[in-house]
Every structure is written in structure tokens, then in C-alpha cells.
């Protein structure tokens, strides 16, 4: 199990690379720096739900492509 922001970031990277889109392209289209997107994908910074939905729409993927199932997420209740 991993923290949710790390799993979401990893899933964003997988979805982006499957579509052969660069970090710079995604970042430019949603108005952020490529370095910030890199940190999102590594799970080192928290990201708003609004920003995640922008990325989902841009990448034309499904919610379950980005959001992990609860059993994969490490929380204070299942450590």
C-alpha cells in the first residue's frame, strides 16, 4: 500500500505516457510548470481534485485510470 498522492501521481504518469504526451504538453495546456507536473507524478506534492479532473479530461481517461481502489491506499486506518 502507498499514500494516495503517490498512487494518483503514478497513474497520471502511466496515462500520459500511454498517450505519448510529454509533461511539457500537459503542463502547458493546464497552465502549470512542467516541473510541478513532474512533482505531481512523483507524488511529492499534493494536488487538488480540480487539477486532477483537468488532467483526466485532457488525457481522455477514466476516473478509475487515475484514482486507485481503496484497498491500494495507505491511510491511518489500515496501517
PDB file of N, CA and C in Angstrom:
ATOM      1  N   UNK A   1       0.840  -1.187   0.000  1.00  0.00           N
ATOM      2  CA  UNK A   1       0.000   0.000   0.000  1.00  0.00           C
ATOM      3  C   UNK A   1       0.882   1.247   0.000  1.00  0.00           C
ATOM      4  N   UNK A   2       0.374   2.270  -0.665  1.00  0.00           N
ATOM      5  CA  UNK A   2       1.106   3.532  -0.755  1.00  0.00           C
ATOM      6  C   UNK A   2       0.172   4.693  -0.468  1.00  0.00           C
ATOM      7  N   UNK A   3       0.751   5.854  -0.131  1.00  0.00           N
ATOM      8  CA  UNK A   3      -0.084   7.050   0.057  1.00  0.00           C
ATOM      9  C   UNK A   3      -0.824   7.399  -1.234  1.00  0.00           C
ATOM     10  N   UNK A   4      -2.014   7.940  -1.087  1.00  0.00           N
ATOM     11  CA  UNK A   4      -2.883   8.211  -2.233  1.00  0.00           C
ATOM     12  C   UNK A   4      -2.244   9.161  -3.242  1.00  0.00           C
ATOM     13  N   UNK A   5      -1.552  10.202  -2.785  1.00  0.00           N
ATOM     14  CA  UNK A   5      -0.986  11.150  -3.753  1.00  0.00           C
ATOM     15  C   UNK A   5       0.100  10.488  -4.598  1.00  0.00           C
ATOM     16  N   UNK A   6       0.811   9.517  -4.059  1.00  0.00           N
ATOM     17  CA  UNK A   6       1.826   8.803  -4.822  1.00  0.00           C
ATOM     18  C   UNK A   6       1.170   7.915  -5.878  1.00  0.00           C
ATOM     19  N   UNK A   7       0.093   7.225  -5.507  1.00  0.00           N
ATOM     20  CA  UNK A   7      -0.624   6.370  -6.459  1.00  0.00           C
ATOM     21  C   UNK A   7      -1.269   7.181  -7.572  1.00  0.00           C
ATOM     22  N   UNK A   8      -1.901   8.291  -7.216  1.00  0.00           N
ATOM     23  CA  UNK A   8      -2.526   9.151  -8.227  1.00  0.00           C
ATOM     24  C   UNK A   8      -1.462   9.682  -9.185  1.00  0.00           C
ATOM     25  N   UNK A   9      -0.353  10.138  -8.650  1.00  0.00           N
ATOM     26  CA  UNK A   9       0.726  10.646  -9.492  1.00  0.00           C
ATOM     27  C   UNK A   9       1.255   9.592 -10.449  1.00  0.00           C
ATOM     28  N   UNK A  10       1.455   8.398  -9.935  1.00  0.00           N
ATOM     29  CA  UNK A  10       1.936   7.295 -10.763  1.00  0.00           C
ATOM     30  C   UNK A  10       0.929   6.980 -11.872  1.00  0.00           C
ATOM     31  N   UNK A  11      -0.352   6.986 -11.539  1.00  0.00           N
ATOM     32  CA  UNK A  11      -1.392   6.705 -12.527  1.00  0.00           C
ATOM     33  C   UNK A  11      -1.492   7.806 -13.585  1.00  0.00           C
ATOM     34  N   UNK A  12      -1.284   9.051 -13.180  1.00  0.00           N
ATOM     35  CA  UNK A  12      -1.268  10.151 -14.148  1.00  0.00           C
ATOM     36  C   UNK A  12      -0.120   9.945 -15.132  1.00  0.00           C
ATOM     37  N   UNK A  13       1.049   9.594 -14.614  1.00  0.00           N
ATOM     38  CA  UNK A  13       2.202   9.372 -15.488  1.00  0.00           C
ATOM     39  C   UNK A  13       1.936   8.227 -16.456  1.00  0.00           C
ATOM     40  N   UNK A  14       1.372   7.140 -15.969  1.00  0.00           N
ATOM     41  CA  UNK A  14       1.061   5.991 -16.832  1.00  0.00           C
ATOM     42  C   UNK A  14       0.093   6.406 -17.930  1.00  0.00           C
ATOM     43  N   UNK A  15      -0.975   7.106 -17.566  1.00  0.00           N
ATOM     44  CA  UNK A  15      -1.972   7.549 -18.556  1.00  0.00           C
ATOM     45  C   UNK A  15      -1.346   8.485 -19.581  1.00  0.00           C
ATOM     46  N   UNK A  16      -0.496   9.385 -19.116  1.00  0.00           N
ATOM     47  CA  UNK A  16       0.147  10.348 -20.014  1.00  0.00           C
ATOM     48  C   UNK A  16       1.100   9.650 -20.982  1.00  0.00           C
ATOM     49  N   UNK A  17       1.924   8.759 -20.472  1.00  0.00           N
ATOM     50  CA  UNK A  17       2.899   8.100 -21.340  1.00  0.00           C
ATOM     51  C   UNK A  17       2.239   7.119 -22.312  1.00  0.00           C
ATOM     52  N   UNK A  18       1.132   6.498 -21.909  1.00  0.00           N
ATOM     53  CA  UNK A  18       0.389   5.627 -22.835  1.00  0.00           C
ATOM     54  C   UNK A  18      -0.087   6.405 -24.053  1.00  0.00           C
ATOM     55  N   UNK A  19      -0.352   7.677 -23.863  1.00  0.00           N
ATOM     56  CA  UNK A  19      -0.860   8.520 -24.942  1.00  0.00           C
ATOM     57  C   UNK A  19       0.265   9.291 -25.643  1.00  0.00           C
ATOM     58  N   UNK A  20       1.489   8.999 -25.264  1.00  0.00           N
ATOM     59  CA  UNK A  20       2.670   9.642 -25.858  1.00  0.00           C
ATOM     60  C   UNK A  20       2.607  11.166 -25.796  1.00  0.00           C
ATOM     61  N   UNK A  21       2.185  11.679 -24.644  1.00  0.00           N
ATOM     62  CA  UNK A  21       2.120  13.124 -24.422  1.00  0.00           C
ATOM     63  C   UNK A  21       3.208  13.492 -23.413  1.00  0.00           C
ATOM     64  N   UNK A  22       3.935  14.551 -23.685  1.00  0.00           N
ATOM     65  CA  UNK A  22       5.013  14.956 -22.789  1.00  0.00           C
ATOM     66  C   UNK A  22       4.471  15.719 -21.581  1.00  0.00           C
ATOM     67  N   UNK A  23       5.289  15.774 -20.549  1.00  0.00           N
ATOM     68  CA  UNK A  23       4.930  16.581 -19.382  1.00  0.00           C
ATOM     69  C   UNK A  23       4.759  18.039 -19.788  1.00  0.00           C
ATOM     70  N   UNK A  24       5.619  18.513 -20.662  1.00  0.00           N
ATOM     71  CA  UNK A  24       5.555  19.911 -21.097  1.00  0.00           C
ATOM     72  C   UNK A  24       4.230  20.208 -21.797  1.00  0.00           C
ATOM     73  N   UNK A  25       3.748  19.279 -22.621  1.00  0.00           N
ATOM     74  CA  UNK A  25       2.472  19.487 -23.321  1.00  0.00           C
ATOM     75  C   UNK A  25       1.309  19.557 -22.344  1.00  0.00           C
ATOM     76  N   UNK A  26       1.268  18.617 -21.406  1.00  0.00           N
ATOM     77  CA  UNK A  26       0.184  18.610 -20.410  1.00  0.00           C
ATOM     78  C   UNK A  26       0.249  19.883 -19.576  1.00  0.00           C
ATOM     79  N   UNK A  27       1.431  20.192 -19.080  1.00  0.00           N
ATOM     80  CA  UNK A  27       1.602  21.375 -18.228  1.00  0.00           C
ATOM     81  C   UNK A  27       1.166  22.649 -18.938  1.00  0.00           C
ATOM     82  N   UNK A  28       1.562  22.791 -20.175  1.00  0.00           N
ATOM     83  CA  UNK A  28       1.203  23.978 -20.941  1.00  0.00           C
ATOM     84  C   UNK A  28      -0.309  24.111 -21.103  1.00  0.00           C
ATOM     85  N   UNK A  29      -0.961  23.006 -21.384  1.00  0.00           N
ATOM     86  CA  UNK A  29      -2.403  23.044 -21.629  1.00  0.00           C
ATOM     87  C   UNK A  29      -3.221  23.322 -20.375  1.00  0.00           C
ATOM     88  N   UNK A  30      -2.700  22.947 -19.196  1.00  0.00           N
ATOM     89  CA  UNK A  30      -3.471  23.205 -17.976  1.00  0.00           C
ATOM     90  C   UNK A  30      -2.902  24.374 -17.166  1.00  0.00           C
ATOM     91  N   UNK A  31      -1.890  25.030 -17.719  1.00  0.00           N
ATOM     92  CA  UNK A  31      -1.386  26.256 -17.110  1.00  0.00           C
ATOM     93  C   UNK A  31      -0.514  26.081 -15.881  1.00  0.00           C
ATOM     94  N   UNK A  32       0.318  25.034 -15.887  1.00  0.00           N
ATOM     95  CA  UNK A  32       1.267  24.836 -14.783  1.00  0.00           C
ATOM     96  C   UNK A  32       2.656  24.625 -15.373  1.00  0.00           C
ATOM     97  N   UNK A  33       3.657  24.661 -14.530  1.00  0.00           N
ATOM     98  CA  UNK A  33       5.032  24.389 -14.956  1.00  0.00           C
ATOM     99  C   UNK A  33       5.227  22.879 -15.110  1.00  0.00           C
ATOM    100  N   UNK A  34       6.054  22.482 -16.050  1.00  0.00           N
ATOM    101  CA  UNK A  34       6.356  21.056 -16.248  1.00  0.00           C
ATOM    102  C   UNK A  34       7.000  20.471 -14.992  1.00  0.00           C
ATOM    103  N   UNK A  35       7.780  21.264 -14.281  1.00  0.00           N
ATOM    104  CA  UNK A  35       8.415  20.769 -13.054  1.00  0.00           C
ATOM    105  C   UNK A  35       7.378  20.455 -11.979  1.00  0.00           C
ATOM    106  N   UNK A  36       6.301  21.232 -11.948  1.00  0.00           N
ATOM    107  CA  UNK A  36       5.220  20.956 -10.989  1.00  0.00           C
ATOM    108  C   UNK A  36       4.509  19.655 -11.363  1.00  0.00           C
ATOM    109  N   UNK A  37       4.246  19.441 -12.649  1.00  0.00           N
ATOM    110  CA  UNK A  37       3.633  18.193 -13.087  1.00  0.00           C
ATOM    111  C   UNK A  37       4.540  17.018 -12.748  1.00  0.00           C
ATOM    112  N   UNK A  38       5.819  17.187 -12.897  1.00  0.00           N
ATOM    113  CA  UNK A  38       6.771  16.138 -12.539  1.00  0.00           C
ATOM    114  C   UNK A  38       6.650  15.776 -11.061  1.00  0.00           C
ATOM    115  N   UNK A  39       6.527  16.788 -10.205  1.00  0.00           N
ATOM    116  CA  UNK A  39       6.372  16.536  -8.768  1.00  0.00           C
ATOM    117  C   UNK A  39       5.035  15.866  -8.471  1.00  0.00           C
ATOM    118  N   UNK A  40       3.983  16.232  -9.208  1.00  0.00           N
ATOM    119  CA  UNK A  40       2.681  15.572  -9.049  1.00  0.00           C
ATOM    120  C   UNK A  40       2.829  14.094  -9.392  1.00  0.00           C
ATOM    121  N   UNK A  41       3.471  13.813 -10.516  1.00  0.00           N
ATOM    122  CA  UNK A  41       3.624  12.427 -10.962  1.00  0.00           C
ATOM    123  C   UNK A  41       4.484  11.601 -10.015  1.00  0.00           C
ATOM    124  N   UNK A  42       5.418  12.234  -9.337  1.00  0.00           N
ATOM    125  CA  UNK A  42       6.246  11.523  -8.348  1.00  0.00           C
ATOM    126  C   UNK A  42       5.538  11.409  -6.999  1.00  0.00           C
ATOM    127  N   UNK A  43       4.439  12.134  -6.839  1.00  0.00           N
ATOM    128  CA  UNK A  43       3.698  12.086  -5.584  1.00  0.00           C
ATOM    129  C   UNK A  43       4.350  12.858  -4.466  1.00  0.00           C
ATOM    130  N   UNK A  44       5.148  13.863  -4.817  1.00  0.00           N
ATOM    131  CA  UNK A  44       5.841  14.629  -3.776  1.00  0.00           C
ATOM    132  C   UNK A  44       5.114  15.902  -3.373  1.00  0.00           C
ATOM    133  N   UNK A  45       4.067  16.257  -4.125  1.00  0.00           N
ATOM    134  CA  UNK A  45       3.257  17.426  -3.764  1.00  0.00           C
ATOM    135  C   UNK A  45       1.781  17.034  -3.813  1.00  0.00           C
ATOM    136  N   UNK A  46       0.979  17.599  -2.916  1.00  0.00           N
ATOM    137  CA  UNK A  46      -0.460  17.343  -3.007  1.00  0.00           C
ATOM    138  C   UNK A  46      -1.033  18.065  -4.226  1.00  0.00           C
ATOM    139  N   UNK A  47      -2.094  17.504  -4.785  1.00  0.00           N
ATOM    140  CA  UNK A  47      -2.715  18.096  -5.968  1.00  0.00           C
ATOM    141  C   UNK A  47      -4.217  18.178  -5.733  1.00  0.00           C
ATOM    142  N   UNK A  48      -4.827  19.268  -6.156  1.00  0.00           N
ATOM    143  CA  UNK A  48      -6.257  19.459  -5.940  1.00  0.00           C
ATOM    144  C   UNK A  48      -7.073  18.531  -6.830  1.00  0.00           C
ATOM    145  N   UNK A  49      -8.271  18.236  -6.386  1.00  0.00           N
ATOM    146  CA  UNK A  49      -9.191  17.433  -7.198  1.00  0.00           C
ATOM    147  C   UNK A  49      -9.486  18.142  -8.517  1.00  0.00           C
ATOM    148  N   UNK A  50      -9.614  19.434  -8.467  1.00  0.00           N
ATOM    149  CA  UNK A  50      -9.881  20.209  -9.685  1.00  0.00           C
ATOM    150  C   UNK A  50      -8.780  20.000 -10.718  1.00  0.00           C
ATOM    151  N   UNK A  51      -7.523  20.057 -10.279  1.00  0.00           N
ATOM    152  CA  UNK A  51      -6.386  19.862 -11.178  1.00  0.00           C
ATOM    153  C   UNK A  51      -6.382  18.424 -11.721  1.00  0.00           C
ATOM    154  N   UNK A  52      -6.708  17.460 -10.878  1.00  0.00           N
ATOM    155  CA  UNK A  52      -6.760  16.062 -11.328  1.00  0.00           C
ATOM    156  C   UNK A  52      -7.813  15.905 -12.415  1.00  0.00           C
ATOM    157  N   UNK A  53      -8.961  16.515 -12.232  1.00  0.00           N
ATOM    158  CA  UNK A  53     -10.017  16.419 -13.248  1.00  0.00           C
ATOM    159  C   UNK A  53      -9.610  17.100 -14.548  1.00  0.00           C
ATOM    160  N   UNK A  54      -8.864  18.196 -14.467  1.00  0.00           N
ATOM    161  CA  UNK A  54      -8.348  18.820 -15.684  1.00  0.00           C
ATOM    162  C   UNK A  54      -7.450  17.844 -16.441  1.00  0.00           C
ATOM    163  N   UNK A  55      -6.601  17.147 -15.705  1.00  0.00           N
ATOM    164  CA  UNK A  55      -5.692  16.181 -16.313  1.00  0.00           C
ATOM    165  C   UNK A  55      -6.478  15.009 -16.904  1.00  0.00           C
ATOM    166  N   UNK A  56      -7.490  14.524 -16.189  1.00  0.00           N
ATOM    167  CA  UNK A  56      -8.329  13.428 -16.688  1.00  0.00           C
ATOM    168  C   UNK A  56      -8.987  13.828 -18.009  1.00  0.00           C
ATOM    169  N   UNK A  57      -9.549  15.018 -18.061  1.00  0.00           N
ATOM    170  CA  UNK A  57     -10.194  15.478 -19.303  1.00  0.00           C
ATOM    171  C   UNK A  57      -9.181  15.627 -20.430  1.00  0.00           C
ATOM    172  N   UNK A  58      -8.035  16.202 -20.120  1.00  0.00           N
ATOM    173  CA  UNK A  58      -7.005  16.414 -21.128  1.00  0.00           C
ATOM    174  C   UNK A  58      -6.498  15.087 -21.700  1.00  0.00           C
ATOM    175  N   UNK A  59      -6.322  14.095 -20.833  1.00  0.00           N
ATOM    176  CA  UNK A  59      -5.793  12.801 -21.268  1.00  0.00           C
ATOM    177  C   UNK A  59      -6.875  11.854 -21.784  1.00  0.00           C
ATOM    178  N   UNK A  60      -8.130  12.283 -21.698  1.00  0.00           N
ATOM    179  CA  UNK A  60      -9.257  11.455 -22.141  1.00  0.00           C
ATOM    180  C   UNK A  60      -9.221  10.068 -21.486  1.00  0.00           C
ATOM    181  N   UNK A  61      -9.085  10.074 -20.167  1.00  0.00           N
ATOM    182  CA  UNK A  61      -9.077   8.795 -19.461  1.00  0.00           C
ATOM    183  C   UNK A  61     -10.235   8.741 -18.466  1.00  0.00           C
ATOM    184  N   UNK A  62     -10.416   7.596 -17.875  1.00  0.00           N
ATOM    185  CA  UNK A  62     -11.499   7.366 -16.920  1.00  0.00           C
ATOM    186  C   UNK A  62     -11.021   7.655 -15.501  1.00  0.00           C
ATOM    187  N   UNK A  63     -11.978   7.911 -14.618  1.00  0.00           N
ATOM    188  CA  UNK A  63     -11.640   8.139 -13.212  1.00  0.00           C
ATOM    189  C   UNK A  63     -10.831   6.995 -12.635  1.00  0.00           C
ATOM    190  N   UNK A  64     -11.255   5.762 -12.940  1.00  0.00           N
ATOM    191  CA  UNK A  64     -10.569   4.611 -12.357  1.00  0.00           C
ATOM    192  C   UNK A  64      -9.178   4.387 -12.955  1.00  0.00           C
ATOM    193  N   UNK A  65      -8.831   5.118 -14.016  1.00  0.00           N
ATOM    194  CA  UNK A  65      -7.459   5.084 -14.517  1.00  0.00           C
ATOM    195  C   UNK A  65      -6.530   5.882 -13.600  1.00  0.00           C
ATOM    196  N   UNK A  66      -7.079   6.864 -12.918  1.00  0.00           N
ATOM    197  CA  UNK A  66      -6.279   7.767 -12.089  1.00  0.00           C
ATOM    198  C   UNK A  66      -6.447   7.496 -10.595  1.00  0.00           C
ATOM    199  N   UNK A  67      -7.690   7.366 -10.148  1.00  0.00           N
ATOM    200  CA  UNK A  67      -7.932   7.152  -8.725  1.00  0.00           C
ATOM    201  C   UNK A  67      -7.792   5.674  -8.373  1.00  0.00           C
ATOM    202  N   UNK A  68      -6.943   5.350  -7.396  1.00  0.00           N
ATOM    203  CA  UNK A  68      -6.753   3.953  -7.011  1.00  0.00           C
ATOM    204  C   UNK A  68      -7.951   3.413  -6.230  1.00  0.00           C
ATOM    205  N   UNK A  69      -8.078   2.098  -6.224  1.00  0.00           N
ATOM    206  CA  UNK A  69      -9.129   1.477  -5.412  1.00  0.00           C
ATOM    207  C   UNK A  69      -8.726   1.611  -3.946  1.00  0.00           C
ATOM    208  N   UNK A  70      -9.693   1.716  -3.044  1.00  0.00           N
ATOM    209  CA  UNK A  70      -9.384   1.961  -1.635  1.00  0.00           C
ATOM    210  C   UNK A  70      -8.398   0.958  -1.014  1.00  0.00           C
ATOM    211  N   UNK A  71      -8.428  -0.282  -1.461  1.00  0.00           N
ATOM    212  CA  UNK A  71      -7.535  -1.291  -0.889  1.00  0.00           C
ATOM    213  C   UNK A  71      -6.061  -1.014  -1.187  1.00  0.00           C
ATOM    214  N   UNK A  72      -5.780  -0.202  -2.195  1.00  0.00           N
ATOM    215  CA  UNK A  72      -4.397   0.125  -2.556  1.00  0.00           C
ATOM    216  C   UNK A  72      -3.846   1.310  -1.774  1.00  0.00           C
ATOM    217  N   UNK A  73      -4.726   2.032  -1.083  1.00  0.00           N
ATOM    218  CA  UNK A  73      -4.335   3.291  -0.453  1.00  0.00           C
ATOM    219  C   UNK A  73      -4.005   3.097   1.022  1.00  0.00           C
ATOM    220  N   UNK A  74      -2.850   3.605   1.405  1.00  0.00           N
ATOM    221  CA  UNK A  74      -2.428   3.563   2.800  1.00  0.00           C
ATOM    222  C   UNK A  74      -3.024   4.750   3.539  1.00  0.00           C
ATOM    223  N   UNK A  75      -3.765   4.486   4.593  1.00  0.00           N
ATOM    224  CA  UNK A  75      -4.353   5.540   5.426  1.00  0.00           C
ATOM    225  C   UNK A  75      -4.033   5.259   6.890  1.00  0.00           C
ATOM    226  N   UNK A  76      -4.426   6.158   7.750  1.00  0.00           N
ATOM    227  CA  UNK A  76      -4.208   5.947   9.176  1.00  0.00           C
ATOM    228  C   UNK A  76      -5.035   4.785   9.717  1.00  0.00           C
ATOM    229  N   UNK A  77      -6.051   4.355   8.975  1.00  0.00           N
ATOM    230  CA  UNK A  77      -6.946   3.309   9.443  1.00  0.00           C
ATOM    231  C   UNK A  77      -6.547   1.900   9.002  1.00  0.00           C
ATOM    232  N   UNK A  78      -5.576   1.792   8.084  1.00  0.00           N
ATOM    233  CA  UNK A  78      -5.212   0.465   7.631  1.00  0.00           C
ATOM    234  C   UNK A  78      -3.702   0.222   7.644  1.00  0.00           C
ATOM    235  N   UNK A  79      -3.005   0.912   8.482  1.00  0.00           N
ATOM    236  CA  UNK A  79      -1.541   0.742   8.546  1.00  0.00           C
ATOM    237  C   UNK A  79      -1.168  -0.476   9.356  1.00  0.00           C
TER     238      UNK A  79
END
